[in-house]
Amino acid sequence: MKSWIAGYHPVLEVLRAGRRKTYQIALLEKEGSKGKGAIDGEIEKLAVKANIPLQWYPRSFFQKTSPIEVHQGVMAQVDPCPLLGLEDLASAIKVEKKVHFILILDEIQDPQNLGALLRSASCFGVRWVILPSQRTPPLEASVVKASAGATEYLSIVSVTNLAQTIDFLKEIGFWIYGLVPQGGGDFSEQEFGDRVALVVGSEGKGIRRLVQEKCDFLLTFSTMGWIQSLNASVAGAIGMYEIFKSLKLLEKIHKPS
């Protein structure tokens, strides 16, 4: 089903990645005239190369059509973000004999937090992200915008049962680490192997009990000050960075192709 994404970086990364079909690029007409307005050269070049139509529309079209308020005068009409299955992950890992770092998100329901976590994942060596099929925002305009287009490069797996998924990951050699606000071990004291999965829980409840019980280790990082808690996207970013530092020292972290 076609939908619109909006914003400069989301549209640019959709075109750069080329993973999903793009039907047209909508551009804002120059104010006060019917015709072409300013256009970014890279977006134009990528669209022309891929034979994607460039269409200019008045502001009223953007006000009516844009799925988000800050559209920056550019939108793309696209197919949905591709979702993969566990069998895809298992097949890829079987072929690629490298370090693998997976992010598991347990019912992150805020689109901004989800997008921010995907953006951080893309920066810190994560290739695969596992999401529950329920209680997760659709990977549409708000999430794509918050991720700065990281959705277009990550391999995102949708599953119906996270606890069973963790059991499966353990069977293929992964160690599962849960990020908790207190009571966990220190990141600096943990040695990470070449198959690591980090679980980040929801904004309010954290990791659900059954999912937490499936984790091999629980990890916490120290804070100080009057406010002792971080939101899910910030906490998850710090957790990913701590693991990334350890994996990078091995000089074996998988780099996206």
C-alpha atoms as a PDB file:
ATOM      1  CA  MET A   1       0.000   0.000   0.000  1.00  0.00           C
ATOM      2  CA  LYS A   2       1.443   3.354  -1.050  1.00  0.00           C
ATOM      3  CA  SER A   3       2.093   6.032   1.541  1.00  0.00           C
ATOM      4  CA  TRP A   4       3.917   9.344   1.817  1.00  0.00           C
ATOM      5  CA  ILE A   5       7.094  10.086   3.700  1.00  0.00           C
ATOM      6  CA  ALA A   6       8.256  13.665   4.149  1.00  0.00           C
ATOM      7  CA  GLY A   7      11.404  15.603   4.928  1.00  0.00           C
ATOM      8  CA  TYR A   8      14.723  16.101   3.206  1.00  0.00           C
ATOM      9  CA  HIS A   9      16.795  13.371   4.847  1.00  0.00           C
ATOM     10  CA  PRO A  10      14.098  10.669   4.770  1.00  0.00           C
ATOM     11  CA  VAL A  11      13.482  11.234   1.060  1.00  0.00           C
ATOM     12  CA  LEU A  12      17.188  11.420   0.282  1.00  0.00           C
ATOM     13  CA  GLU A  13      17.950   8.156   2.106  1.00  0.00           C
ATOM     14  CA  VAL A  14      15.030   6.361   0.459  1.00  0.00           C
ATOM     15  CA  LEU A  15      16.496   7.297  -2.912  1.00  0.00           C
ATOM     16  CA  ARG A  16      20.066   6.457  -1.933  1.00  0.00           C
ATOM     17  CA  ALA A  17      19.179   3.059  -0.509  1.00  0.00           C
ATOM     18  CA  GLY A  18      16.758   2.134  -3.294  1.00  0.00           C
ATOM     19  CA  ARG A  19      15.259  -0.707  -1.267  1.00  0.00           C
ATOM     20  CA  ARG A  20      11.623   0.143  -1.835  1.00  0.00           C
ATOM     21  CA  LYS A  21       9.666   1.305  -4.828  1.00  0.00           C
ATOM     22  CA  THR A  22       9.238   5.070  -5.064  1.00  0.00           C
ATOM     23  CA  TYR A  23       6.381   6.265  -7.261  1.00  0.00           C
ATOM     24  CA  GLN A  24       7.020  10.004  -7.300  1.00  0.00           C
ATOM     25  CA  ILE A  25       8.853  12.842  -5.582  1.00  0.00           C
ATOM     26  CA  ALA A  26       6.610  15.757  -4.609  1.00  0.00           C
ATOM     27  CA  LEU A  27       8.269  19.172  -4.434  1.00  0.00           C
ATOM     28  CA  LEU A  28       6.884  22.460  -3.195  1.00  0.00           C
ATOM     29  CA  GLU A  29       6.171  25.053  -5.886  1.00  0.00           C
ATOM     30  CA  LYS A  30       7.854  28.403  -5.640  1.00  0.00           C
ATOM     31  CA  GLU A  31       5.690  30.767  -3.610  1.00  0.00           C
ATOM     32  CA  GLY A  32       3.427  32.950  -5.770  1.00  0.00           C
ATOM     33  CA  SER A  33       3.902  31.068  -9.036  1.00  0.00           C
ATOM     34  CA  LYS A  34       2.791  27.893 -10.690  1.00  0.00           C
ATOM     35  CA  GLY A  35       5.922  26.087 -11.602  1.00  0.00           C
ATOM     36  CA  LYS A  36       9.192  24.722 -10.407  1.00  0.00           C
ATOM     37  CA  GLY A  37      10.685  25.870  -7.173  1.00  0.00           C
ATOM     38  CA  ALA A  38      14.085  25.194  -5.674  1.00  0.00           C
ATOM     39  CA  ILE A  39      15.251  21.575  -5.786  1.00  0.00           C
ATOM     40  CA  ASP A  40      18.143  19.819  -4.163  1.00  0.00           C
ATOM     41  CA  GLY A  41      20.607  18.616  -6.770  1.00  0.00           C
ATOM     42  CA  GLU A  42      21.237  15.233  -5.182  1.00  0.00           C
ATOM     43  CA  ILE A  43      17.541  14.390  -4.868  1.00  0.00           C
ATOM     44  CA  GLU A  44      16.996  15.413  -8.490  1.00  0.00           C
ATOM     45  CA  LYS A  45      19.986  13.383  -9.701  1.00  0.00           C
ATOM     46  CA  LEU A  46      18.937  10.238  -7.820  1.00  0.00           C
ATOM     47  CA  ALA A  47      15.311  10.539  -8.927  1.00  0.00           C
ATOM     48  CA  VAL A  48      16.234  11.020 -12.583  1.00  0.00           C
ATOM     49  CA  LYS A  49      18.674   8.112 -12.466  1.00  0.00           C
ATOM     50  CA  ALA A  50      15.945   5.836 -11.059  1.00  0.00           C
ATOM     51  CA  ASN A  51      13.301   7.147 -13.498  1.00  0.00           C
ATOM     52  CA  ILE A  52      11.171   8.474 -10.646  1.00  0.00           C
ATOM     53  CA  PRO A  53       8.857  11.359 -11.636  1.00  0.00           C
ATOM     54  CA  LEU A  54       9.458  14.767 -10.059  1.00  0.00           C
ATOM     55  CA  GLN A  55       6.211  16.664  -9.500  1.00  0.00           C
ATOM     56  CA  TRP A  56       5.745  20.226  -8.229  1.00  0.00           C
ATOM     57  CA  TYR A  57       2.695  20.958  -6.034  1.00  0.00           C
ATOM     58  CA  PRO A  58       1.275  24.041  -4.292  1.00  0.00           C
ATOM     59  CA  ARG A  59       1.529  24.489  -0.531  1.00  0.00           C
ATOM     60  CA  SER A  60      -2.132  23.471  -0.168  1.00  0.00           C
ATOM     61  CA  PHE A  61      -1.275  19.994  -1.483  1.00  0.00           C
ATOM     62  CA  PHE A  62       1.460  19.595   1.106  1.00  0.00           C
ATOM     63  CA  GLN A  63      -0.811  20.840   3.878  1.00  0.00           C
ATOM     64  CA  LYS A  64      -3.419  18.268   2.886  1.00  0.00           C
ATOM     65  CA  THR A  65      -1.134  15.344   2.042  1.00  0.00           C
ATOM     66  CA  SER A  66       1.964  15.494   4.223  1.00  0.00           C
ATOM     67  CA  PRO A  67       1.797  12.936   7.061  1.00  0.00           C
ATOM     68  CA  ILE A  68       3.939  15.182   9.281  1.00  0.00           C
ATOM     69  CA  GLU A  69       3.953  18.928   9.892  1.00  0.00           C
ATOM     70  CA  VAL A  70       7.619  19.597   9.069  1.00  0.00           C
ATOM     71  CA  HIS A  71       7.828  18.357   5.486  1.00  0.00           C
ATOM     72  CA  GLN A  72      10.620  20.736   4.312  1.00  0.00           C
ATOM     73  CA  GLY A  73       8.963  21.034   0.910  1.00  0.00           C
ATOM     74  CA  VAL A  74       9.719  17.492  -0.230  1.00  0.00           C
ATOM     75  CA  MET A  75       7.819  14.191  -0.028  1.00  0.00           C
ATOM     76  CA  ALA A  76       8.077  10.766  -1.604  1.00  0.00           C
ATOM     77  CA  GLN A  77       5.272   8.339  -2.368  1.00  0.00           C
ATOM     78  CA  VAL A  78       6.600   4.901  -1.551  1.00  0.00           C
ATOM     79  CA  ASP A  79       5.829   1.270  -0.844  1.00  0.00           C
ATOM     80  CA  PRO A  80       5.972   0.134   2.813  1.00  0.00           C
ATOM     81  CA  CYS A  81       9.314  -0.380   4.512  1.00  0.00           C
ATOM     82  CA  PRO A  82      10.279  -4.035   3.926  1.00  0.00           C
ATOM     83  CA  LEU A  83      10.031  -6.326   6.949  1.00  0.00           C
ATOM     84  CA  LEU A  84      11.927  -9.600   7.226  1.00  0.00           C
ATOM     85  CA  GLY A  85      11.465 -12.849   9.127  1.00  0.00           C
ATOM     86  CA  LEU A  86      13.671 -14.813  11.492  1.00  0.00           C
ATOM     87  CA  GLU A  87      14.546 -17.203   8.686  1.00  0.00           C
ATOM     88  CA  ASP A  88      16.137 -14.296   6.793  1.00  0.00           C
ATOM     89  CA  LEU A  89      18.234 -13.390   9.822  1.00  0.00           C
ATOM     90  CA  ALA A  90      19.324 -16.994  10.395  1.00  0.00           C
ATOM     91  CA  SER A  91      20.304 -17.476   6.746  1.00  0.00           C
ATOM     92  CA  ALA A  92      22.349 -14.269   6.654  1.00  0.00           C
ATOM     93  CA  ILE A  93      24.184 -15.037   9.876  1.00  0.00           C
ATOM     94  CA  LYS A  94      24.963 -18.554   8.697  1.00  0.00           C
ATOM     95  CA  VAL A  95      26.698 -17.133   5.620  1.00  0.00           C
ATOM     96  CA  GLU A  96      28.406 -14.123   7.226  1.00  0.00           C
ATOM     97  CA  LYS A  97      31.060 -15.273   9.706  1.00  0.00           C
ATOM     98  CA  LYS A  98      31.440 -11.922  11.452  1.00  0.00           C
ATOM     99  CA  VAL A  99      30.476 -10.207  14.667  1.00  0.00           C
ATOM    100  CA  HIS A 100      26.711  -9.665  14.778  1.00  0.00           C
ATOM    101  CA  PHE A 101      25.013  -7.097  16.992  1.00  0.00           C
ATOM    102  CA  ILE A 102      21.202  -7.240  17.156  1.00  0.00           C
ATOM    103  CA  LEU A 103      18.844  -4.728  18.770  1.00  0.00           C
ATOM    104  CA  ILE A 104      15.582  -6.076  20.221  1.00  0.00           C
ATOM    105  CA  LEU A 105      12.922  -3.493  21.043  1.00  0.00           C
ATOM    106  CA  ASP A 106      10.218  -4.575  23.471  1.00  0.00           C
ATOM    107  CA  GLU A 107       7.052  -2.593  22.754  1.00  0.00           C
ATOM    108  CA  ILE A 108       8.574   0.831  22.061  1.00  0.00           C
ATOM    109  CA  GLN A 109       5.323   2.631  21.304  1.00  0.00           C
ATOM    110  CA  ASP A 110       6.398   6.235  20.744  1.00  0.00           C
ATOM    111  CA  PRO A 111       7.310   6.881  17.076  1.00  0.00           C
ATOM    112  CA  GLN A 112       9.955   9.459  18.003  1.00  0.00           C
ATOM    113  CA  ASN A 113      11.693   7.092  20.410  1.00  0.00           C
ATOM    114  CA  LEU A 114      11.496   4.238  17.914  1.00  0.00           C
ATOM    115  CA  GLY A 115      12.980   6.375  15.153  1.00  0.00           C
ATOM    116  CA  ALA A 116      15.723   7.689  17.427  1.00  0.00           C
ATOM    117  CA  LEU A 117      16.659   4.141  18.476  1.00  0.00           C
ATOM    118  CA  LEU A 118      16.852   3.044  14.835  1.00  0.00           C
ATOM    119  CA  ARG A 119      19.067   6.038  14.074  1.00  0.00           C
ATOM    120  CA  SER A 120      21.413   5.134  16.946  1.00  0.00           C
ATOM    121  CA  ALA A 121      21.411   1.484  15.885  1.00  0.00           C
ATOM    122  CA  SER A 122      22.583   2.493  12.432  1.00  0.00           C
ATOM    123  CA  CYS A 123      25.441   4.503  13.978  1.00  0.00           C
ATOM    124  CA  PHE A 124      26.626   1.835  16.420  1.00  0.00           C
ATOM    125  CA  GLY A 125      27.105  -1.263  14.301  1.00  0.00           C
ATOM    126  CA  VAL A 126      23.640  -2.812  14.529  1.00  0.00           C
ATOM    127  CA  ARG A 127      22.428  -4.381  11.320  1.00  0.00           C
ATOM    128  CA  TRP A 128      19.400  -6.362  12.519  1.00  0.00           C
ATOM    129  CA  VAL A 129      16.548  -4.921  14.594  1.00  0.00           C
ATOM    130  CA  ILE A 130      13.790  -7.142  15.961  1.00  0.00           C
ATOM    131  CA  LEU A 131      10.366  -5.640  16.676  1.00  0.00           C
ATOM    132  CA  PRO A 132       7.173  -7.239  18.012  1.00  0.00           C
ATOM    133  CA  SER A 133       4.372  -7.133  15.466  1.00  0.00           C
ATOM    134  CA  GLN A 134       1.974  -5.755  18.097  1.00  0.00           C
ATOM    135  CA  ARG A 135       2.344  -2.513  20.109  1.00  0.00           C
ATOM    136  CA  THR A 136       4.976  -1.112  17.791  1.00  0.00           C
ATOM    137  CA  PRO A 137       4.328   1.968  15.624  1.00  0.00           C
ATOM    138  CA  PRO A 138       4.200   1.339  11.880  1.00  0.00           C
ATOM    139  CA  LEU A 139       7.413   2.221  10.078  1.00  0.00           C
ATOM    140  CA  GLU A 140       5.856   5.185   8.356  1.00  0.00           C
ATOM    141  CA  ALA A 141       6.577   8.895   8.032  1.00  0.00           C
ATOM    142  CA  SER A 142       7.080   9.855  11.697  1.00  0.00           C
ATOM    143  CA  VAL A 143       9.406   6.959  12.424  1.00  0.00           C
ATOM    144  CA  VAL A 144      11.346   7.398   9.176  1.00  0.00           C
ATOM    145  CA  LYS A 145      11.777  11.122   9.885  1.00  0.00           C
ATOM    146  CA  ALA A 146      12.932  10.526  13.477  1.00  0.00           C
ATOM    147  CA  SER A 147      15.395   7.898  12.245  1.00  0.00           C
ATOM    148  CA  ALA A 148      16.863  10.349   9.685  1.00  0.00           C
ATOM    149  CA  GLY A 149      16.329   7.617   7.094  1.00  0.00           C
ATOM    150  CA  ALA A 150      18.047   4.813   9.043  1.00  0.00           C
ATOM    151  CA  THR A 151      15.003   2.637   8.336  1.00  0.00           C
ATOM    152  CA  GLU A 152      16.257   2.323   4.768  1.00  0.00           C
ATOM    153  CA  TYR A 153      19.481   0.557   5.757  1.00  0.00           C
ATOM    154  CA  LEU A 154      18.635  -1.626   8.737  1.00  0.00           C
ATOM    155  CA  SER A 155      17.315  -5.160   8.354  1.00  0.00           C
ATOM    156  CA  ILE A 156      14.120  -5.055  10.416  1.00  0.00           C
ATOM    157  CA  VAL A 157      12.505  -8.286  11.575  1.00  0.00           C
ATOM    158  CA  SER A 158       8.899  -8.435  12.779  1.00  0.00           C
ATOM    159  CA  VAL A 159       7.976 -11.258  15.167  1.00  0.00           C
ATOM    160  CA  THR A 160       4.862 -12.298  17.060  1.00  0.00           C
ATOM    161  CA  ASN A 161       6.565 -13.564  20.230  1.00  0.00           C
ATOM    162  CA  LEU A 162       9.751 -11.971  21.602  1.00  0.00           C
ATOM    163  CA  ALA A 163      10.342 -14.615  24.262  1.00  0.00           C
ATOM    164  CA  GLN A 164      10.323 -17.408  21.674  1.00  0.00           C
ATOM    165  CA  THR A 165      12.491 -15.283  19.397  1.00  0.00           C
ATOM    166  CA  ILE A 166      15.094 -14.953  22.143  1.00  0.00           C
ATOM    167  CA  ASP A 167      15.092 -18.743  22.563  1.00  0.00           C
ATOM    168  CA  PHE A 168      15.736 -19.046  18.841  1.00  0.00           C
ATOM    169  CA  LEU A 169      18.603 -16.540  18.975  1.00  0.00           C
ATOM    170  CA  LYS A 170      20.199 -18.482  21.813  1.00  0.00           C
ATOM    171  CA  GLU A 171      20.024 -21.650  19.726  1.00  0.00           C
ATOM    172  CA  ILE A 172      22.104 -19.984  17.004  1.00  0.00           C
ATOM    173  CA  GLY A 173      24.726 -18.715  19.420  1.00  0.00           C
ATOM    174  CA  PHE A 174      23.574 -15.310  20.652  1.00  0.00           C
ATOM    175  CA  TRP A 175      23.981 -13.987  24.171  1.00  0.00           C
ATOM    176  CA  ILE A 176      21.071 -11.797  25.236  1.00  0.00           C
ATOM    177  CA  TYR A 177      21.607  -8.652  27.318  1.00  0.00           C
ATOM    178  CA  GLY A 178      18.710  -6.730  28.818  1.00  0.00           C
ATOM    179  CA  LEU A 179      19.008  -3.017  29.588  1.00  0.00           C
ATOM    180  CA  VAL A 180      17.415  -2.245  32.976  1.00  0.00           C
ATOM    181  CA  PRO A 181      17.333   1.025  34.977  1.00  0.00           C
ATOM    182  CA  GLN A 182      18.773  -0.518  38.118  1.00  0.00           C
ATOM    183  CA  GLY A 183      20.056  -3.771  39.561  1.00  0.00           C
ATOM    184  CA  GLY A 184      21.989  -4.929  36.490  1.00  0.00           C
ATOM    185  CA  GLY A 185      25.695  -5.485  35.977  1.00  0.00           C
ATOM    186  CA  ASP A 186      28.108  -2.799  34.845  1.00  0.00           C
ATOM    187  CA  PHE A 187      28.830  -2.510  31.110  1.00  0.00           C
ATOM    188  CA  SER A 188      32.528  -1.962  31.810  1.00  0.00           C
ATOM    189  CA  GLU A 189      32.799  -5.320  33.566  1.00  0.00           C
ATOM    190  CA  GLN A 190      31.104  -7.284  30.792  1.00  0.00           C
ATOM    191  CA  GLU A 191      32.933  -9.077  27.993  1.00  0.00           C
ATOM    192  CA  PHE A 192      30.931  -9.364  24.782  1.00  0.00           C
ATOM    193  CA  GLY A 193      31.399 -12.144  22.263  1.00  0.00           C
ATOM    194  CA  ASP A 194      30.765 -12.123  18.531  1.00  0.00           C
ATOM    195  CA  ARG A 195      26.988 -12.660  18.717  1.00  0.00           C
ATOM    196  CA  VAL A 196      25.280 -10.075  20.891  1.00  0.00           C
ATOM    197  CA  ALA A 197      21.657  -8.988  21.248  1.00  0.00           C
ATOM    198  CA  LEU A 198      20.589  -6.010  23.379  1.00  0.00           C
ATOM    199  CA  VAL A 199      16.992  -5.744  24.602  1.00  0.00           C
ATOM    200  CA  VAL A 200      15.546  -2.276  25.261  1.00  0.00           C
ATOM    201  CA  GLY A 201      12.150  -2.019  26.935  1.00  0.00           C
ATOM    202  CA  SER A 202       9.251   0.390  26.605  1.00  0.00           C
ATOM    203  CA  GLU A 203       9.196   3.947  27.894  1.00  0.00           C
ATOM    204  CA  GLY A 204       6.994   3.269  30.909  1.00  0.00           C
ATOM    205  CA  LYS A 205       7.276  -0.384  31.899  1.00  0.00           C
ATOM    206  CA  GLY A 206      10.699  -1.319  30.603  1.00  0.00           C
ATOM    207  CA  ILE A 207      11.350  -4.883  29.496  1.00  0.00           C
ATOM    208  CA  ARG A 208       8.383  -7.161  30.153  1.00  0.00           C
ATOM    209  CA  ARG A 209       8.921  -9.775  32.866  1.00  0.00           C
ATOM    210  CA  LEU A 210       8.903 -12.861  30.633  1.00  0.00           C
ATOM    211  CA  VAL A 211      11.274 -11.246  28.139  1.00  0.00           C
ATOM    212  CA  GLN A 212      13.566 -10.109  30.958  1.00  0.00           C
ATOM    213  CA  GLU A 213      13.674 -13.634  32.365  1.00  0.00           C
ATOM    214  CA  LYS A 214      14.903 -14.883  29.005  1.00  0.00           C
ATOM    215  CA  CYS A 215      17.930 -12.542  29.057  1.00  0.00           C
ATOM    216  CA  ASP A 216      21.301 -14.077  29.911  1.00  0.00           C
ATOM    217  CA  PHE A 217      22.500 -10.883  31.599  1.00  0.00           C
ATOM    218  CA  LEU A 218      20.927  -7.630  32.800  1.00  0.00           C
ATOM    219  CA  LEU A 219      22.972  -4.436  32.443  1.00  0.00           C
ATOM    220  CA  THR A 220      22.707  -0.978  34.003  1.00  0.00           C
ATOM    221  CA  PHE A 221      24.800   2.157  33.621  1.00  0.00           C
ATOM    222  CA  SER A 222      25.398   4.627  36.425  1.00  0.00           C
ATOM    223  CA  THR A 223      23.789   8.060  36.566  1.00  0.00           C
ATOM    224  CA  MET A 224      23.931  10.982  38.973  1.00  0.00           C
ATOM    225  CA  GLY A 225      21.979  14.144  39.640  1.00  0.00           C
ATOM    226  CA  TRP A 226      18.409  14.984  40.590  1.00  0.00           C
ATOM    227  CA  ILE A 227      16.900  13.189  37.589  1.00  0.00           C
ATOM    228  CA  GLN A 228      17.987   9.565  37.689  1.00  0.00           C
ATOM    229  CA  SER A 229      16.046   8.206  34.708  1.00  0.00           C
ATOM    230  CA  LEU A 230      16.512   8.452  30.938  1.00  0.00           C
ATOM    231  CA  ASN A 231      13.950   7.914  28.231  1.00  0.00           C
ATOM    232  CA  ALA A 232      14.097   4.731  26.191  1.00  0.00           C
ATOM    233  CA  SER A 233      15.849   6.195  23.158  1.00  0.00           C
ATOM    234  CA  VAL A 234      18.648   7.844  25.162  1.00  0.00           C
ATOM    235  CA  ALA A 235      19.177   4.822  27.418  1.00  0.00           C
ATOM    236  CA  GLY A 236      19.166   2.517  24.400  1.00  0.00           C
ATOM    237  CA  ALA A 237      21.678   4.707  22.560  1.00  0.00           C
ATOM    238  CA  ILE A 238      24.072   4.639  25.519  1.00  0.00           C
ATOM    239  CA  GLY A 239      23.697   0.877  25.831  1.00  0.00           C
ATOM    240  CA  MET A 240      24.383   0.359  22.134  1.00  0.00           C
ATOM    241  CA  TYR A 241      27.413   2.630  22.293  1.00  0.00           C
ATOM    242  CA  GLU A 242      28.881   0.728  25.236  1.00  0.00           C
ATOM    243  CA  ILE A 243      28.577  -2.562  23.355  1.00  0.00           C
ATOM    244  CA  PHE A 244      29.809  -0.978  20.135  1.00  0.00           C
ATOM    245  CA  LYS A 245      32.974   0.179  21.892  1.00  0.00           C
ATOM    246  CA  SER A 246      33.691  -3.373  23.000  1.00  0.00           C
ATOM    247  CA  LEU A 247      32.912  -4.929  19.624  1.00  0.00           C
ATOM    248  CA  LYS A 248      34.930  -2.306  17.763  1.00  0.00           C
ATOM    249  CA  LEU A 249      38.023  -3.230  19.771  1.00  0.00           C
ATOM    250  CA  LEU A 250      37.771  -6.677  18.211  1.00  0.00           C
ATOM    251  CA  GLU A 251      37.969  -5.009  14.776  1.00  0.00           C
ATOM    252  CA  LYS A 252      35.425  -7.499  13.528  1.00  0.00           C
ATOM    253  CA  ILE A 253      32.198  -5.527  13.697  1.00  0.00           C
ATOM    254  CA  HIS A 254      30.009  -6.161  10.657  1.00  0.00           C
ATOM    255  CA  LYS A 255      29.758  -3.106   8.415  1.00  0.00           C
ATOM    256  CA  PRO A 256      26.627  -2.756   6.250  1.00  0.00           C
ATOM    257  CA  SER A 257      27.264  -3.302   2.543  1.00  0.00           C
END
